[in-house]
Amino acid sequence: MAVVNRRTQAGTPRLRRTRAVLAGALVIGLGTTSTLAAWTDGEYGTGSFAASVFGTESQTASSSWASHTPAANAATLAFNATAMSPSVSFYAYLDIRTTATTNVGGTVALTGSSNNAGALLPALEYRAVRTATTSTTCAAAAFTGTPTWIVGPSYLGVTSVPGSPVSSAITAPAGATPQLRFCFEARVQSGAGNAYQGTTGAVTWEFTATST
């Protein structure tokens, strides 16, 4: 019996059709795995920033409004205490306010003393209050009733400050510049010895203002 060779010749139409189909499938496969460029867009936000301004100035009965810092430039409290005797009190005030360019509020507190000198210092004691208004006279009456004590009601040595400072709120200028008045009472201690006669002393109190 004759053997029939069923292999298709390389150039036959059937083989060519098969190759054409495979080639077409290859093209389609490439098309499904390729990636087209996408359209994009973006949005941005920008912010502007500016730091606040906080500053203070002070005055006394003998010093005009100004920045009295550092300690060497302290405002002079007008005690007029040139002939002190035991238990006789002398009074002076310090007004503090924010500067015209200040735009935030804060607090003010008595925080320390420095530049202290003189043989009379160990015999000196003091108290201090924040008065109700800046027009309040700084005198004995300011310490009666229920004042806002900054130092007191007990006396402290003149170079000491309270362990827990009393803070007073201070606001930024709005119309008339607001201000605080601190009234000091200083005296020679009761029973101070004769050795203190004719001696002198000087102390500089420090108020710290902090913005909020």
N, C-alpha and C. Protein backbone atom coordinates (compact mmCIF):
# COMPACT_ATOMS: atom_id res chain seq x y z
N MET A 1 0.86 -1.21 0.00
CA MET A 1 0.00 0.00 0.00
C MET A 1 0.88 1.24 0.00
N ALA A 2 0.49 2.23 -0.75
CA ALA A 2 1.32 3.44 -0.89
C ALA A 2 1.22 4.31 0.35
N VAL A 3 2.36 4.91 0.73
CA VAL A 3 2.41 5.83 1.89
C VAL A 3 2.13 7.25 1.42
N VAL A 4 1.18 7.92 2.16
CA VAL A 4 0.80 9.29 1.76
C VAL A 4 1.53 10.30 2.68
N ASN A 5 2.24 11.19 2.14
CA ASN A 5 2.92 12.25 2.90
C ASN A 5 1.98 13.43 3.09
N ARG A 6 1.47 13.57 4.36
CA ARG A 6 0.48 14.62 4.61
C ARG A 6 1.10 15.94 5.06
N ARG A 7 2.40 16.05 5.18
CA ARG A 7 3.02 17.33 5.57
C ARG A 7 2.79 18.37 4.49
N THR A 8 2.40 19.48 4.93
CA THR A 8 2.09 20.56 3.99
C THR A 8 3.39 21.19 3.53
N GLN A 9 3.48 21.45 2.29
CA GLN A 9 4.65 22.12 1.77
C GLN A 9 4.74 23.54 2.31
N ALA A 10 6.00 23.97 2.49
CA ALA A 10 6.21 25.28 3.11
C ALA A 10 5.51 26.40 2.42
N GLY A 11 5.35 26.31 1.19
CA GLY A 11 4.77 27.44 0.46
C GLY A 11 3.32 27.28 0.15
N THR A 12 2.67 26.26 0.75
CA THR A 12 1.26 26.05 0.42
C THR A 12 0.40 27.15 1.01
N PRO A 13 -0.83 27.37 0.45
CA PRO A 13 -1.74 28.41 0.96
C PRO A 13 -2.14 28.18 2.39
N ARG A 14 -2.35 26.90 2.78
CA ARG A 14 -2.79 26.64 4.17
C ARG A 14 -1.76 27.12 5.18
N LEU A 15 -0.49 26.87 4.96
CA LEU A 15 0.56 27.31 5.88
C LEU A 15 0.65 28.82 5.93
N ARG A 16 0.47 29.40 4.76
CA ARG A 16 0.52 30.86 4.72
C ARG A 16 -0.62 31.48 5.54
N ARG A 17 -1.80 30.84 5.50
CA ARG A 17 -2.93 31.35 6.28
C ARG A 17 -2.66 31.22 7.78
N THR A 18 -2.08 30.12 8.16
CA THR A 18 -1.76 29.92 9.56
C THR A 18 -0.77 30.97 10.04
N ARG A 19 0.21 31.22 9.31
CA ARG A 19 1.19 32.24 9.67
C ARG A 19 0.57 33.63 9.74
N ALA A 20 -0.34 33.87 8.85
CA ALA A 20 -1.00 35.17 8.84
C ALA A 20 -1.83 35.35 10.08
N VAL A 21 -2.53 34.29 10.50
CA VAL A 21 -3.32 34.38 11.72
C VAL A 21 -2.44 34.59 12.93
N LEU A 22 -1.33 33.90 13.03
CA LEU A 22 -0.40 34.07 14.13
C LEU A 22 0.18 35.47 14.16
N ALA A 23 0.51 35.94 12.99
CA ALA A 23 1.04 37.31 12.92
C ALA A 23 0.02 38.31 13.39
N GLY A 24 -1.23 38.10 12.98
CA GLY A 24 -2.29 39.00 13.42
C GLY A 24 -2.48 38.95 14.92
N ALA A 25 -2.42 37.79 15.50
CA ALA A 25 -2.54 37.65 16.94
C ALA A 25 -1.41 38.36 17.66
N LEU A 26 -0.26 38.34 17.10
CA LEU A 26 0.89 39.01 17.70
C LEU A 26 0.68 40.52 17.72
N VAL A 27 0.16 41.05 16.64
CA VAL A 27 -0.10 42.49 16.58
C VAL A 27 -1.15 42.88 17.62
N ILE A 28 -2.19 42.10 17.73
CA ILE A 28 -3.24 42.39 18.70
C ILE A 28 -2.68 42.33 20.13
N GLY A 29 -1.84 41.37 20.40
CA GLY A 29 -1.23 41.25 21.73
C GLY A 29 -0.41 42.47 22.09
N LEU A 30 0.35 42.99 21.18
CA LEU A 30 1.13 44.20 21.44
C LEU A 30 0.22 45.39 21.72
N GLY A 31 -0.88 45.43 21.04
CA GLY A 31 -1.80 46.55 21.24
C GLY A 31 -2.43 46.55 22.61
N THR A 32 -2.70 45.41 23.18
CA THR A 32 -3.36 45.34 24.48
C THR A 32 -2.40 45.58 25.65
N THR A 33 -1.09 45.44 25.46
CA THR A 33 -0.14 45.65 26.54
C THR A 33 0.53 47.02 26.49
N SER A 34 0.35 47.79 25.48
CA SER A 34 0.95 49.12 25.41
C SER A 34 0.10 50.12 26.21
N THR A 35 0.74 51.24 26.69
CA THR A 35 0.05 52.25 27.51
C THR A 35 0.10 53.59 26.81
N LEU A 36 -1.04 54.20 26.68
CA LEU A 36 -1.12 55.53 26.08
C LEU A 36 -0.81 56.59 27.11
N ALA A 37 -0.27 57.76 26.75
CA ALA A 37 -0.02 58.88 27.67
C ALA A 37 -1.34 59.40 28.21
N ALA A 38 -1.37 59.77 29.56
CA ALA A 38 -2.59 60.27 30.20
C ALA A 38 -2.53 61.78 30.33
N TRP A 39 -3.70 62.42 30.32
CA TRP A 39 -3.76 63.86 30.57
C TRP A 39 -3.67 64.13 32.08
N THR A 40 -2.93 65.16 32.50
CA THR A 40 -2.79 65.50 33.92
C THR A 40 -3.06 66.98 34.15
N ASP A 41 -3.36 67.29 35.40
CA ASP A 41 -3.55 68.68 35.80
C ASP A 41 -3.16 68.77 37.27
N GLY A 42 -2.97 69.96 37.82
CA GLY A 42 -2.58 70.12 39.21
C GLY A 42 -3.18 71.37 39.81
N GLU A 43 -3.26 71.37 41.15
CA GLU A 43 -3.73 72.53 41.90
C GLU A 43 -2.70 72.85 42.99
N TYR A 44 -2.48 74.14 43.25
CA TYR A 44 -1.48 74.56 44.23
C TYR A 44 -2.08 75.58 45.19
N GLY A 45 -1.58 75.58 46.43
CA GLY A 45 -2.00 76.57 47.42
C GLY A 45 -0.78 77.22 48.05
N THR A 46 -0.82 78.52 48.26
CA THR A 46 0.31 79.22 48.85
C THR A 46 -0.16 79.97 50.10
N GLY A 47 0.69 80.09 51.09
CA GLY A 47 0.35 80.81 52.31
C GLY A 47 1.39 81.88 52.62
N SER A 48 0.95 82.96 53.22
CA SER A 48 1.85 84.03 53.63
C SER A 48 1.85 84.12 55.16
N PHE A 49 2.99 84.46 55.73
CA PHE A 49 3.12 84.44 57.19
C PHE A 49 3.84 85.71 57.66
N ALA A 50 3.47 86.17 58.86
CA ALA A 50 4.12 87.33 59.45
C ALA A 50 4.15 87.16 60.96
N ALA A 51 5.28 87.44 61.58
CA ALA A 51 5.43 87.31 63.02
C ALA A 51 4.73 88.47 63.74
N SER A 52 4.22 88.20 64.93
CA SER A 52 3.59 89.24 65.73
C SER A 52 4.65 90.18 66.31
N VAL A 53 4.17 91.29 66.83
CA VAL A 53 5.05 92.28 67.48
C VAL A 53 4.59 92.44 68.92
N PHE A 54 5.52 92.30 69.86
CA PHE A 54 5.18 92.46 71.28
C PHE A 54 6.30 93.22 71.97
N GLY A 55 5.93 94.35 72.57
CA GLY A 55 6.91 95.15 73.29
C GLY A 55 6.21 95.96 74.37
N THR A 56 6.95 96.36 75.37
CA THR A 56 6.38 97.15 76.46
C THR A 56 7.24 98.38 76.74
N GLU A 57 6.66 99.30 77.44
CA GLU A 57 7.37 100.49 77.91
C GLU A 57 6.79 100.88 79.26
N SER A 58 7.51 101.71 79.99
CA SER A 58 7.08 102.05 81.34
C SER A 58 7.33 103.53 81.64
N GLN A 59 6.67 103.97 82.71
CA GLN A 59 6.88 105.32 83.20
C GLN A 59 6.70 105.33 84.72
N THR A 60 7.26 106.33 85.34
CA THR A 60 7.06 106.56 86.78
C THR A 60 6.71 108.04 86.95
N ALA A 61 6.57 108.46 88.19
CA ALA A 61 6.28 109.88 88.44
C ALA A 61 7.43 110.77 88.00
N SER A 62 8.62 110.18 87.86
CA SER A 62 9.80 110.97 87.48
C SER A 62 10.44 110.50 86.18
N SER A 63 9.80 109.55 85.47
CA SER A 63 10.35 109.03 84.21
C SER A 63 9.25 108.98 83.17
N SER A 64 9.56 109.44 81.96
CA SER A 64 8.57 109.45 80.89
C SER A 64 8.45 108.07 80.25
N TRP A 65 7.38 107.88 79.45
CA TRP A 65 7.18 106.62 78.75
C TRP A 65 8.37 106.32 77.84
N ALA A 66 8.94 105.14 78.05
CA ALA A 66 10.08 104.70 77.24
C ALA A 66 10.36 103.24 77.57
N SER A 67 11.21 102.64 76.78
CA SER A 67 11.65 101.27 77.06
C SER A 67 12.78 101.34 78.08
N HIS A 68 12.47 100.98 79.30
CA HIS A 68 13.47 101.06 80.37
C HIS A 68 14.13 99.69 80.58
N THR A 69 14.92 99.31 79.63
CA THR A 69 15.68 98.06 79.68
C THR A 69 16.99 98.29 78.95
N PRO A 70 18.10 97.70 79.40
CA PRO A 70 18.26 96.74 80.49
C PRO A 70 18.22 97.41 81.86
N ALA A 71 18.68 96.66 82.89
CA ALA A 71 18.60 97.16 84.27
C ALA A 71 19.33 98.48 84.43
N ALA A 72 20.40 98.68 83.68
CA ALA A 72 21.16 99.92 83.78
C ALA A 72 20.34 101.13 83.32
N ASN A 73 19.25 100.87 82.58
CA ASN A 73 18.41 101.95 82.08
C ASN A 73 17.05 101.96 82.79
N ALA A 74 17.01 101.46 84.00
CA ALA A 74 15.74 101.33 84.74
C ALA A 74 15.10 102.69 85.00
N ALA A 75 13.77 102.70 84.98
CA ALA A 75 13.03 103.91 85.35
C ALA A 75 13.17 104.14 86.85
N THR A 76 13.28 105.39 87.25
CA THR A 76 13.47 105.73 88.66
C THR A 76 12.12 105.85 89.36
N LEU A 77 11.89 104.99 90.36
CA LEU A 77 10.67 105.08 91.15
C LEU A 77 10.82 106.23 92.15
N ALA A 78 9.82 107.07 92.19
CA ALA A 78 9.90 108.31 92.99
C ALA A 78 9.46 108.06 94.43
N PHE A 79 10.26 107.34 95.19
CA PHE A 79 9.95 107.10 96.60
C PHE A 79 10.20 108.35 97.46
N ASN A 80 11.16 109.15 97.05
CA ASN A 80 11.55 110.30 97.87
C ASN A 80 11.87 109.87 99.29
N ALA A 81 12.52 108.71 99.39
CA ALA A 81 12.80 108.13 100.70
C ALA A 81 14.22 108.47 101.13
N THR A 82 14.41 109.71 101.51
CA THR A 82 15.76 110.16 101.88
C THR A 82 15.96 110.27 103.39
N ALA A 83 14.89 110.08 104.15
CA ALA A 83 15.02 110.18 105.61
C ALA A 83 14.11 109.12 106.23
N MET A 84 14.42 107.86 105.97
CA MET A 84 13.57 106.76 106.42
C MET A 84 13.81 106.44 107.89
N SER A 85 12.75 106.00 108.55
CA SER A 85 12.80 105.53 109.93
C SER A 85 12.04 104.23 110.01
N PRO A 86 12.30 103.38 110.99
CA PRO A 86 11.60 102.09 111.10
C PRO A 86 10.08 102.25 111.07
N SER A 87 9.43 101.39 110.26
CA SER A 87 7.97 101.27 110.15
C SER A 87 7.30 102.45 109.45
N VAL A 88 8.06 103.38 108.92
CA VAL A 88 7.49 104.50 108.17
C VAL A 88 7.54 104.15 106.69
N SER A 89 6.37 104.10 106.04
CA SER A 89 6.29 103.64 104.65
C SER A 89 6.43 104.79 103.66
N PHE A 90 7.01 104.43 102.51
CA PHE A 90 7.14 105.34 101.38
C PHE A 90 6.58 104.63 100.15
N TYR A 91 6.00 105.42 99.23
CA TYR A 91 5.25 104.83 98.12
C TYR A 91 5.76 105.37 96.77
N ALA A 92 5.70 104.51 95.78
CA ALA A 92 6.06 104.90 94.41
C ALA A 92 5.41 103.92 93.45
N TYR A 93 5.11 104.38 92.24
CA TYR A 93 4.45 103.50 91.27
C TYR A 93 5.29 103.35 90.00
N LEU A 94 4.99 102.24 89.30
CA LEU A 94 5.55 101.98 87.97
C LEU A 94 4.39 101.61 87.07
N ASP A 95 4.20 102.36 85.98
CA ASP A 95 3.17 102.05 84.99
C ASP A 95 3.81 101.30 83.83
N ILE A 96 3.12 100.28 83.33
CA ILE A 96 3.62 99.50 82.19
C ILE A 96 2.51 99.38 81.15
N ARG A 97 2.85 99.54 79.89
CA ARG A 97 1.89 99.37 78.81
C ARG A 97 2.59 98.76 77.60
N THR A 98 1.81 98.30 76.63
CA THR A 98 2.39 97.81 75.39
C THR A 98 2.74 98.98 74.48
N THR A 99 3.66 98.76 73.58
CA THR A 99 4.06 99.81 72.65
C THR A 99 3.00 100.00 71.56
N ALA A 100 3.11 101.09 70.84
CA ALA A 100 2.13 101.41 69.81
C ALA A 100 2.12 100.39 68.67
N THR A 101 3.23 99.70 68.44
CA THR A 101 3.30 98.74 67.33
C THR A 101 2.93 97.32 67.76
N THR A 102 2.67 97.11 69.04
CA THR A 102 2.32 95.77 69.53
C THR A 102 0.95 95.36 68.99
N ASN A 103 0.84 94.11 68.53
CA ASN A 103 -0.44 93.63 68.00
C ASN A 103 -0.92 92.34 68.65
N VAL A 104 -0.30 91.94 69.77
CA VAL A 104 -0.79 90.80 70.55
C VAL A 104 -0.73 91.16 72.03
N GLY A 105 -1.56 90.49 72.82
CA GLY A 105 -1.55 90.72 74.25
C GLY A 105 -0.53 89.85 74.95
N GLY A 106 -0.52 89.94 76.28
CA GLY A 106 0.44 89.14 77.03
C GLY A 106 0.21 89.28 78.52
N THR A 107 1.23 89.00 79.28
CA THR A 107 1.18 89.11 80.74
C THR A 107 2.43 89.83 81.24
N VAL A 108 2.31 90.40 82.44
CA VAL A 108 3.43 91.08 83.09
C VAL A 108 3.53 90.54 84.52
N ALA A 109 4.74 90.24 84.96
CA ALA A 109 4.93 89.74 86.33
C ALA A 109 6.24 90.23 86.89
N LEU A 110 6.25 90.49 88.19
CA LEU A 110 7.48 90.84 88.90
C LEU A 110 8.29 89.56 89.09
N THR A 111 9.49 89.52 88.52
CA THR A 111 10.23 88.25 88.47
C THR A 111 11.60 88.28 89.14
N GLY A 112 12.12 89.45 89.49
CA GLY A 112 13.45 89.43 90.09
C GLY A 112 13.91 90.81 90.50
N SER A 113 15.12 90.86 91.03
CA SER A 113 15.76 92.13 91.38
C SER A 113 17.25 92.01 91.08
N SER A 114 17.88 93.15 90.81
CA SER A 114 19.29 93.14 90.45
C SER A 114 19.89 94.51 90.77
N ASN A 115 21.19 94.63 90.51
CA ASN A 115 21.88 95.90 90.77
C ASN A 115 21.63 96.39 92.20
N ASN A 116 21.60 95.45 93.14
CA ASN A 116 21.30 95.80 94.54
C ASN A 116 22.59 96.15 95.28
N ALA A 117 22.54 97.25 96.02
CA ALA A 117 23.75 97.69 96.71
C ALA A 117 23.38 98.56 97.90
N GLY A 118 24.24 98.58 98.89
CA GLY A 118 24.08 99.49 100.02
C GLY A 118 23.88 98.77 101.33
N ALA A 119 24.40 99.37 102.41
CA ALA A 119 24.35 98.77 103.74
C ALA A 119 22.95 98.73 104.32
N LEU A 120 22.02 99.53 103.78
CA LEU A 120 20.66 99.58 104.32
C LEU A 120 19.79 98.42 103.83
N LEU A 121 20.18 97.73 102.77
CA LEU A 121 19.33 96.71 102.15
C LEU A 121 18.82 95.66 103.12
N PRO A 122 19.63 95.11 104.04
CA PRO A 122 19.10 94.07 104.93
C PRO A 122 17.96 94.53 105.83
N ALA A 123 17.82 95.82 106.02
CA ALA A 123 16.77 96.35 106.91
C ALA A 123 15.54 96.81 106.14
N LEU A 124 15.57 96.74 104.81
CA LEU A 124 14.45 97.22 104.00
C LEU A 124 13.48 96.08 103.66
N GLU A 125 12.19 96.41 103.64
CA GLU A 125 11.17 95.45 103.24
C GLU A 125 10.12 96.18 102.39
N TYR A 126 9.31 95.40 101.65
CA TYR A 126 8.37 96.05 100.76
C TYR A 126 7.16 95.16 100.48
N ARG A 127 6.13 95.80 99.93
CA ARG A 127 4.95 95.12 99.39
C ARG A 127 4.59 95.83 98.09
N ALA A 128 3.73 95.20 97.28
CA ALA A 128 3.33 95.82 96.02
C ALA A 128 1.95 95.32 95.62
N VAL A 129 1.16 96.20 95.01
CA VAL A 129 -0.16 95.84 94.51
C VAL A 129 -0.32 96.37 93.09
N ARG A 130 -1.25 95.74 92.36
CA ARG A 130 -1.68 96.31 91.08
C ARG A 130 -2.95 97.08 91.36
N THR A 131 -2.95 98.35 91.05
CA THR A 131 -4.11 99.19 91.38
C THR A 131 -5.25 98.95 90.40
N ALA A 132 -6.44 99.38 90.81
CA ALA A 132 -7.62 99.16 89.98
C ALA A 132 -7.54 99.90 88.66
N THR A 133 -7.02 101.11 88.69
CA THR A 133 -6.85 101.92 87.48
C THR A 133 -5.51 102.62 87.56
N THR A 134 -5.10 103.16 86.44
CA THR A 134 -3.83 103.89 86.42
C THR A 134 -3.96 105.29 87.01
N SER A 135 -5.17 105.68 87.30
CA SER A 135 -5.35 106.99 87.96
C SER A 135 -5.41 106.86 89.47
N THR A 136 -5.34 105.62 89.97
CA THR A 136 -5.35 105.40 91.42
C THR A 136 -4.08 105.97 92.04
N THR A 137 -4.24 106.76 93.08
CA THR A 137 -3.07 107.32 93.76
C THR A 137 -2.32 106.21 94.48
N CYS A 138 -1.01 106.20 94.30
CA CYS A 138 -0.17 105.20 94.96
C CYS A 138 0.16 105.71 96.36
N ALA A 139 -0.63 105.23 97.33
CA ALA A 139 -0.47 105.66 98.72
C ALA A 139 -1.01 104.55 99.60
N ALA A 140 -1.08 104.79 100.90
CA ALA A 140 -1.49 103.77 101.86
C ALA A 140 -2.87 103.19 101.54
N ALA A 141 -3.78 104.02 101.02
CA ALA A 141 -5.12 103.55 100.73
C ALA A 141 -5.15 102.45 99.68
N ALA A 142 -4.15 102.42 98.80
CA ALA A 142 -4.11 101.40 97.75
C ALA A 142 -3.87 100.01 98.33
N PHE A 143 -3.44 99.92 99.57
CA PHE A 143 -3.13 98.64 100.20
C PHE A 143 -4.22 98.19 101.17
N THR A 144 -5.31 98.91 101.23
CA THR A 144 -6.41 98.56 102.12
C THR A 144 -7.48 97.78 101.36
N GLY A 145 -8.40 97.15 102.10
CA GLY A 145 -9.46 96.39 101.46
C GLY A 145 -8.93 95.08 100.89
N THR A 146 -9.29 94.82 99.64
CA THR A 146 -8.86 93.58 98.97
C THR A 146 -8.14 93.91 97.66
N PRO A 147 -6.97 94.46 97.73
CA PRO A 147 -6.24 94.81 96.51
C PRO A 147 -5.70 93.57 95.80
N THR A 148 -5.23 93.75 94.62
CA THR A 148 -4.56 92.68 93.88
C THR A 148 -3.09 92.69 94.28
N TRP A 149 -2.72 91.74 95.13
CA TRP A 149 -1.36 91.73 95.65
C TRP A 149 -0.38 91.18 94.62
N ILE A 150 0.69 91.90 94.41
CA ILE A 150 1.81 91.42 93.60
C ILE A 150 2.88 90.89 94.54
N VAL A 151 3.08 91.59 95.64
CA VAL A 151 3.92 91.15 96.75
C VAL A 151 3.13 91.42 98.02
N GLY A 152 2.82 90.42 98.80
CA GLY A 152 2.07 90.64 100.02
C GLY A 152 0.92 89.66 100.17
N PRO A 153 0.13 89.86 101.23
CA PRO A 153 0.12 91.04 102.10
C PRO A 153 1.27 91.13 103.09
N SER A 154 2.00 90.02 103.29
CA SER A 154 3.17 90.09 104.18
C SER A 154 4.32 90.78 103.46
N TYR A 155 5.16 91.45 104.22
CA TYR A 155 6.32 92.13 103.64
C TYR A 155 7.39 91.10 103.26
N LEU A 156 8.13 91.44 102.21
CA LEU A 156 9.30 90.66 101.82
C LEU A 156 10.54 91.54 101.94
N GLY A 157 11.69 90.91 102.10
CA GLY A 157 12.93 91.66 102.01
C GLY A 157 13.02 92.34 100.66
N VAL A 158 13.57 93.52 100.64
CA VAL A 158 13.50 94.37 99.45
C VAL A 158 14.16 93.76 98.22
N THR A 159 15.06 92.80 98.39
CA THR A 159 15.73 92.18 97.24
C THR A 159 15.08 90.86 96.83
N SER A 160 13.97 90.48 97.49
CA SER A 160 13.30 89.21 97.19
C SER A 160 12.05 89.44 96.35
N VAL A 161 11.61 88.39 95.66
CA VAL A 161 10.35 88.41 94.92
C VAL A 161 9.60 87.12 95.25
N PRO A 162 8.29 87.09 95.06
CA PRO A 162 7.52 85.88 95.37
C PRO A 162 8.02 84.68 94.56
N GLY A 163 7.96 83.50 95.19
CA GLY A 163 8.36 82.29 94.48
C GLY A 163 7.45 81.97 93.32
N SER A 164 6.19 82.33 93.41
CA SER A 164 5.22 82.15 92.33
C SER A 164 4.75 83.54 91.90
N PRO A 165 5.34 84.11 90.86
CA PRO A 165 4.98 85.47 90.43
C PRO A 165 3.51 85.59 90.08
N VAL A 166 2.93 86.73 90.41
CA VAL A 166 1.55 87.02 90.07
C VAL A 166 1.52 87.70 88.70
N SER A 167 0.85 87.07 87.73
CA SER A 167 0.80 87.62 86.38
C SER A 167 -0.39 88.55 86.21
N SER A 168 -0.19 89.62 85.48
CA SER A 168 -1.26 90.57 85.15
C SER A 168 -1.39 90.64 83.64
N ALA A 169 -2.62 90.53 83.14
CA ALA A 169 -2.84 90.57 81.70
C ALA A 169 -2.61 91.98 81.18
N ILE A 170 -1.98 92.04 80.00
CA ILE A 170 -1.77 93.31 79.33
C ILE A 170 -2.18 93.14 77.88
N THR A 171 -2.91 94.11 77.35
CA THR A 171 -3.48 93.97 76.02
C THR A 171 -2.75 94.84 75.01
N ALA A 172 -2.98 94.51 73.74
CA ALA A 172 -2.40 95.29 72.65
C ALA A 172 -3.14 96.61 72.52
N PRO A 173 -2.50 97.62 71.98
CA PRO A 173 -3.16 98.93 71.84
C PRO A 173 -4.45 98.83 71.03
N ALA A 174 -5.47 99.48 71.50
CA ALA A 174 -6.75 99.58 70.79
C ALA A 174 -7.37 100.91 71.22
N GLY A 175 -7.25 101.92 70.35
CA GLY A 175 -7.67 103.25 70.76
C GLY A 175 -6.68 103.82 71.74
N ALA A 176 -7.16 104.18 72.92
CA ALA A 176 -6.25 104.66 73.96
C ALA A 176 -5.42 103.48 74.47
N THR A 177 -4.13 103.66 74.56
CA THR A 177 -3.24 102.58 74.96
C THR A 177 -3.50 102.16 76.39
N PRO A 178 -3.89 100.90 76.64
CA PRO A 178 -4.12 100.45 78.01
C PRO A 178 -2.80 100.31 78.76
N GLN A 179 -2.87 100.43 80.07
CA GLN A 179 -1.65 100.32 80.86
C GLN A 179 -1.98 99.79 82.25
N LEU A 180 -0.95 99.29 82.92
CA LEU A 180 -1.08 98.76 84.28
C LEU A 180 -0.30 99.66 85.23
N ARG A 181 -0.79 99.77 86.47
CA ARG A 181 -0.06 100.52 87.49
C ARG A 181 0.28 99.58 88.65
N PHE A 182 1.56 99.54 89.00
CA PHE A 182 2.03 98.75 90.12
C PHE A 182 2.51 99.72 91.19
N CYS A 183 1.93 99.61 92.38
CA CYS A 183 2.25 100.52 93.48
C CYS A 183 3.10 99.79 94.50
N PHE A 184 4.23 100.38 94.85
CA PHE A 184 5.18 99.80 95.81
C PHE A 184 5.12 100.56 97.13
N GLU A 185 5.21 99.80 98.20
CA GLU A 185 5.36 100.35 99.54
C GLU A 185 6.68 99.82 100.12
N ALA A 186 7.57 100.70 100.50
CA ALA A 186 8.86 100.29 101.08
C ALA A 186 9.06 100.97 102.42
N ARG A 187 9.71 100.26 103.32
CA ARG A 187 9.98 100.82 104.65
C ARG A 187 11.17 100.11 105.29
N VAL A 188 11.72 100.76 106.32
CA VAL A 188 12.73 100.12 107.16
C VAL A 188 11.99 99.24 108.16
N GLN A 189 12.46 98.04 108.35
CA GLN A 189 11.80 97.09 109.24
C GLN A 189 11.66 97.66 110.66
N SER A 190 10.57 97.28 111.27
CA SER A 190 10.37 97.66 112.68
C SER A 190 11.47 97.01 113.53
N GLY A 191 12.08 97.78 114.39
CA GLY A 191 13.12 97.26 115.26
C GLY A 191 14.49 97.19 114.64
N ALA A 192 14.67 97.81 113.46
CA ALA A 192 16.01 97.84 112.84
C ALA A 192 17.00 98.53 113.77
N GLY A 193 18.20 97.97 113.87
CA GLY A 193 19.20 98.48 114.80
C GLY A 193 19.73 99.86 114.44
N ASN A 194 20.30 100.52 115.44
CA ASN A 194 20.86 101.86 115.24
C ASN A 194 22.00 101.88 114.23
N ALA A 195 22.59 100.72 113.98
CA ALA A 195 23.71 100.67 113.03
C ALA A 195 23.28 101.06 111.62
N TYR A 196 21.97 101.00 111.33
CA TYR A 196 21.49 101.35 109.99
C TYR A 196 21.28 102.86 109.81
N GLN A 197 21.39 103.61 110.88
CA GLN A 197 21.21 105.06 110.75
C GLN A 197 22.23 105.63 109.76
N GLY A 198 21.74 106.48 108.88
CA GLY A 198 22.61 107.16 107.93
C GLY A 198 23.07 106.31 106.76
N THR A 199 22.66 105.04 106.69
CA THR A 199 23.09 104.18 105.57
C THR A 199 22.13 104.33 104.40
N THR A 200 22.53 103.82 103.26
CA THR A 200 21.71 103.91 102.05
C THR A 200 21.63 102.54 101.38
N GLY A 201 20.71 102.44 100.45
CA GLY A 201 20.57 101.21 99.68
C GLY A 201 19.82 101.49 98.38
N ALA A 202 20.01 100.65 97.42
CA ALA A 202 19.32 100.78 96.13
C ALA A 202 19.02 99.39 95.59
N VAL A 203 17.84 99.24 95.02
CA VAL A 203 17.43 97.96 94.44
C VAL A 203 16.70 98.22 93.12
N THR A 204 16.87 97.34 92.18
CA THR A 204 16.18 97.44 90.88
C THR A 204 15.30 96.22 90.71
N TRP A 205 14.00 96.43 90.63
CA TRP A 205 13.07 95.32 90.42
C TRP A 205 12.87 95.08 88.92
N GLU A 206 12.70 93.82 88.58
CA GLU A 206 12.52 93.45 87.17
C GLU A 206 11.11 92.90 86.94
N PHE A 207 10.43 93.47 85.97
CA PHE A 207 9.15 92.94 85.49
C PHE A 207 9.40 92.26 84.15
N THR A 208 8.86 91.06 84.00
CA THR A 208 8.99 90.33 82.74
C THR A 208 7.64 90.32 82.03
N ALA A 209 7.62 90.78 80.79
CA ALA A 209 6.40 90.76 79.97
C ALA A 209 6.53 89.63 78.95
N THR A 210 5.47 88.84 78.82
CA THR A 210 5.48 87.68 77.93
C THR A 210 4.24 87.72 77.04
N SER A 211 4.44 87.55 75.76
CA SER A 211 3.30 87.56 74.83
C SER A 211 2.51 86.27 74.95
N THR A 212 1.22 86.35 74.58
CA THR A 212 0.37 85.16 74.58
C THR A 212 -0.26 84.99 73.21
